[in-house]
């Protein structure tokens, strides 16, 4: 009986040791997962914003352009290098006047934000 109690005590002690050892690792893995998930959602939101730049309603298009410029002021060029090529492609597509207007408005707002900084 005494040997069993000592063995159980040692097992509990080892379990606590491993929990203390592994908890920071699990915490780090969880944080990395949250960061990856956050970047994934950021990419989705960026893409949806750019797809919405051709909205036919001027006020909605201005709001979307403001959102793109706001995100770009933080993320461009490091985290969003494809922003300017996409905007230039939309501007050069003369078949979609709404996209041209939205892209130009977005560039104007982005340049104003960059001038302020």
C-alpha atoms as a PDB file:
ATOM      1  CA  UNK A   1       0.000   0.000   0.000  1.00  0.00           C
ATOM      2  CA  UNK A   2       2.809   2.380   0.904  1.00  0.00           C
ATOM      3  CA  UNK A   3       4.550   1.709  -2.405  1.00  0.00           C
ATOM      4  CA  UNK A   4       1.312   2.439  -4.275  1.00  0.00           C
ATOM      5  CA  UNK A   5       0.897   5.763  -2.463  1.00  0.00           C
ATOM      6  CA  UNK A   6       4.492   6.750  -3.261  1.00  0.00           C
ATOM      7  CA  UNK A   7       3.999   5.751  -6.884  1.00  0.00           C
ATOM      8  CA  UNK A   8       0.775   7.790  -7.158  1.00  0.00           C
ATOM      9  CA  UNK A   9       2.472  10.761  -5.526  1.00  0.00           C
ATOM     10  CA  UNK A  10       5.365  10.549  -7.999  1.00  0.00           C
ATOM     11  CA  UNK A  11       2.941  10.281 -10.928  1.00  0.00           C
ATOM     12  CA  UNK A  12       1.054  13.393  -9.769  1.00  0.00           C
ATOM     13  CA  UNK A  13       4.324  15.245  -9.346  1.00  0.00           C
ATOM     14  CA  UNK A  14       5.426  14.235 -12.851  1.00  0.00           C
ATOM     15  CA  UNK A  15       2.035  15.210 -14.279  1.00  0.00           C
ATOM     16  CA  UNK A  16       2.305  18.664 -12.738  1.00  0.00           C
ATOM     17  CA  UNK A  17       5.815  18.966 -14.096  1.00  0.00           C
ATOM     18  CA  UNK A  18       4.688  18.069 -17.617  1.00  0.00           C
ATOM     19  CA  UNK A  19       1.680  20.373 -17.392  1.00  0.00           C
ATOM     20  CA  UNK A  20       3.930  23.222 -16.311  1.00  0.00           C
ATOM     21  CA  UNK A  21       6.341  22.364 -19.096  1.00  0.00           C
ATOM     22  CA  UNK A  22       3.756  21.978 -21.848  1.00  0.00           C
ATOM     23  CA  UNK A  23       1.345  24.779 -20.929  1.00  0.00           C
ATOM     24  CA  UNK A  24       3.525  27.572 -22.403  1.00  0.00           C
ATOM     25  CA  UNK A  25       3.894  25.519 -25.573  1.00  0.00           C
ATOM     26  CA  UNK A  26       0.119  25.070 -25.890  1.00  0.00           C
ATOM     27  CA  UNK A  27      -0.386  28.760 -25.146  1.00  0.00           C
ATOM     28  CA  UNK A  28       2.111  29.714 -27.864  1.00  0.00           C
ATOM     29  CA  UNK A  29       0.474  27.355 -30.358  1.00  0.00           C
ATOM     30  CA  UNK A  30      -2.927  28.873 -29.576  1.00  0.00           C
ATOM     31  CA  UNK A  31      -1.581  32.404 -30.133  1.00  0.00           C
ATOM     32  CA  UNK A  32       0.010  31.366 -33.426  1.00  0.00           C
ATOM     33  CA  UNK A  33      -3.297  29.825 -34.525  1.00  0.00           C
ATOM     34  CA  UNK A  34      -5.122  33.064 -33.664  1.00  0.00           C
ATOM     35  CA  UNK A  35      -2.598  35.118 -35.619  1.00  0.00           C
ATOM     36  CA  UNK A  36      -2.871  32.843 -38.655  1.00  0.00           C
ATOM     37  CA  UNK A  37      -6.660  32.939 -38.425  1.00  0.00           C
ATOM     38  CA  UNK A  38      -6.563  36.715 -38.092  1.00  0.00           C
ATOM     39  CA  UNK A  39      -4.360  37.047 -41.204  1.00  0.00           C
ATOM     40  CA  UNK A  40      -6.676  34.700 -43.067  1.00  0.00           C
ATOM     41  CA  UNK A  41      -9.699  36.846 -42.238  1.00  0.00           C
ATOM     42  CA  UNK A  42      -7.790  40.020 -43.048  1.00  0.00           C
ATOM     43  CA  UNK A  43      -7.055  38.675 -46.522  1.00  0.00           C
ATOM     44  CA  UNK A  44     -10.717  37.779 -47.012  1.00  0.00           C
ATOM     45  CA  UNK A  45     -11.857  41.235 -45.894  1.00  0.00           C
ATOM     46  CA  UNK A  46      -9.310  42.955 -48.160  1.00  0.00           C
ATOM     47  CA  UNK A  47     -10.510  40.911 -51.123  1.00  0.00           C
ATOM     48  CA  UNK A  48     -14.167  41.649 -50.414  1.00  0.00           C
ATOM     49  CA  UNK A  49     -13.452  45.352 -50.109  1.00  0.00           C
ATOM     50  CA  UNK A  50     -11.683  45.423 -53.468  1.00  0.00           C
ATOM     51  CA  UNK A  51     -14.489  43.460 -55.102  1.00  0.00           C
ATOM     52  CA  UNK A  52     -16.972  46.019 -53.781  1.00  0.00           C
ATOM     53  CA  UNK A  53     -15.228  49.070 -55.252  1.00  0.00           C
ATOM     54  CA  UNK A  54     -17.446  48.939 -58.331  1.00  0.00           C
ATOM     55  CA  UNK A  55     -20.681  49.571 -56.415  1.00  0.00           C
ATOM     56  CA  UNK A  56     -22.990  51.800 -58.492  1.00  0.00           C
ATOM     57  CA  UNK A  57     -24.057  53.875 -55.465  1.00  0.00           C
ATOM     58  CA  UNK A  58     -21.589  56.734 -55.002  1.00  0.00           C
ATOM     59  CA  UNK A  59     -21.903  56.978 -51.216  1.00  0.00           C
ATOM     60  CA  UNK A  60     -21.372  53.251 -50.758  1.00  0.00           C
ATOM     61  CA  UNK A  61     -18.409  53.356 -53.114  1.00  0.00           C
ATOM     62  CA  UNK A  62     -16.931  56.273 -51.154  1.00  0.00           C
ATOM     63  CA  UNK A  63     -17.365  54.357 -47.893  1.00  0.00           C
ATOM     64  CA  UNK A  64     -15.677  51.289 -49.346  1.00  0.00           C
ATOM     65  CA  UNK A  65     -12.861  53.458 -50.716  1.00  0.00           C
ATOM     66  CA  UNK A  66     -12.419  54.977 -47.265  1.00  0.00           C
ATOM     67  CA  UNK A  67     -12.256  51.491 -45.743  1.00  0.00           C
ATOM     68  CA  UNK A  68      -9.675  50.350 -48.301  1.00  0.00           C
ATOM     69  CA  UNK A  69      -7.576  53.477 -47.718  1.00  0.00           C
ATOM     70  CA  UNK A  70      -7.804  53.006 -43.956  1.00  0.00           C
ATOM     71  CA  UNK A  71      -6.675  49.376 -44.129  1.00  0.00           C
ATOM     72  CA  UNK A  72      -3.998  50.232 -46.688  1.00  0.00           C
ATOM     73  CA  UNK A  73      -2.548  52.958 -44.484  1.00  0.00           C
ATOM     74  CA  UNK A  74      -1.647  50.186 -42.022  1.00  0.00           C
ATOM     75  CA  UNK A  75      -1.031  47.188 -44.271  1.00  0.00           C
ATOM     76  CA  UNK A  76       0.384  48.564 -47.510  1.00  0.00           C
ATOM     77  CA  UNK A  77       2.977  47.752 -48.885  1.00  0.00           C
ATOM     78  CA  UNK A  78       4.284  45.088 -46.487  1.00  0.00           C
ATOM     79  CA  UNK A  79       1.156  43.034 -45.874  1.00  0.00           C
ATOM     80  CA  UNK A  80      -0.857  44.072 -48.937  1.00  0.00           C
ATOM     81  CA  UNK A  81       1.600  44.369 -51.849  1.00  0.00           C
ATOM     82  CA  UNK A  82      -1.028  43.478 -54.449  1.00  0.00           C
ATOM     83  CA  UNK A  83      -3.195  46.546 -53.669  1.00  0.00           C
ATOM     84  CA  UNK A  84      -1.769  48.953 -56.245  1.00  0.00           C
ATOM     85  CA  UNK A  85      -1.626  46.418 -59.114  1.00  0.00           C
ATOM     86  CA  UNK A  86      -5.277  45.531 -58.470  1.00  0.00           C
ATOM     87  CA  UNK A  87      -6.314  49.193 -58.363  1.00  0.00           C
ATOM     88  CA  UNK A  88      -4.397  49.895 -61.567  1.00  0.00           C
ATOM     89  CA  UNK A  89      -6.062  46.926 -63.245  1.00  0.00           C
ATOM     90  CA  UNK A  90      -9.485  48.244 -62.220  1.00  0.00           C
ATOM     91  CA  UNK A  91      -8.615  51.727 -63.502  1.00  0.00           C
ATOM     92  CA  UNK A  92      -7.456  50.350 -66.857  1.00  0.00           C
ATOM     93  CA  UNK A  93     -10.650  48.320 -67.309  1.00  0.00           C
ATOM     94  CA  UNK A  94     -12.675  50.913 -69.205  1.00  0.00           C
ATOM     95  CA  UNK A  95     -15.653  48.575 -69.536  1.00  0.00           C
ATOM     96  CA  UNK A  96     -16.569  49.071 -65.856  1.00  0.00           C
ATOM     97  CA  UNK A  97     -16.957  52.793 -65.147  1.00  0.00           C
ATOM     98  CA  UNK A  98     -17.985  52.170 -61.518  1.00  0.00           C
ATOM     99  CA  UNK A  99     -14.772  50.245 -60.855  1.00  0.00           C
ATOM    100  CA  UNK A 100     -12.720  53.035 -62.446  1.00  0.00           C
ATOM    101  CA  UNK A 101     -14.421  55.667 -60.281  1.00  0.00           C
ATOM    102  CA  UNK A 102     -14.105  53.559 -57.135  1.00  0.00           C
ATOM    103  CA  UNK A 103     -10.433  52.838 -57.750  1.00  0.00           C
ATOM    104  CA  UNK A 104      -9.621  56.477 -58.465  1.00  0.00           C
ATOM    105  CA  UNK A 105     -11.482  57.567 -55.340  1.00  0.00           C
ATOM    106  CA  UNK A 106      -9.589  54.935 -53.354  1.00  0.00           C
ATOM    107  CA  UNK A 107      -6.221  56.129 -54.709  1.00  0.00           C
ATOM    108  CA  UNK A 108      -7.108  59.736 -53.904  1.00  0.00           C
ATOM    109  CA  UNK A 109      -8.018  58.847 -50.325  1.00  0.00           C
ATOM    110  CA  UNK A 110      -4.964  56.633 -49.924  1.00  0.00           C
ATOM    111  CA  UNK A 111      -2.637  59.360 -51.194  1.00  0.00           C
ATOM    112  CA  UNK A 112      -4.257  61.856 -48.819  1.00  0.00           C
ATOM    113  CA  UNK A 113      -3.758  59.448 -45.906  1.00  0.00           C
ATOM    114  CA  UNK A 114      -0.124  58.919 -46.870  1.00  0.00           C
ATOM    115  CA  UNK A 115       0.420  62.692 -47.119  1.00  0.00           C
ATOM    116  CA  UNK A 116      -0.973  63.142 -43.606  1.00  0.00           C
ATOM    117  CA  UNK A 117       1.477  60.575 -42.230  1.00  0.00           C
END
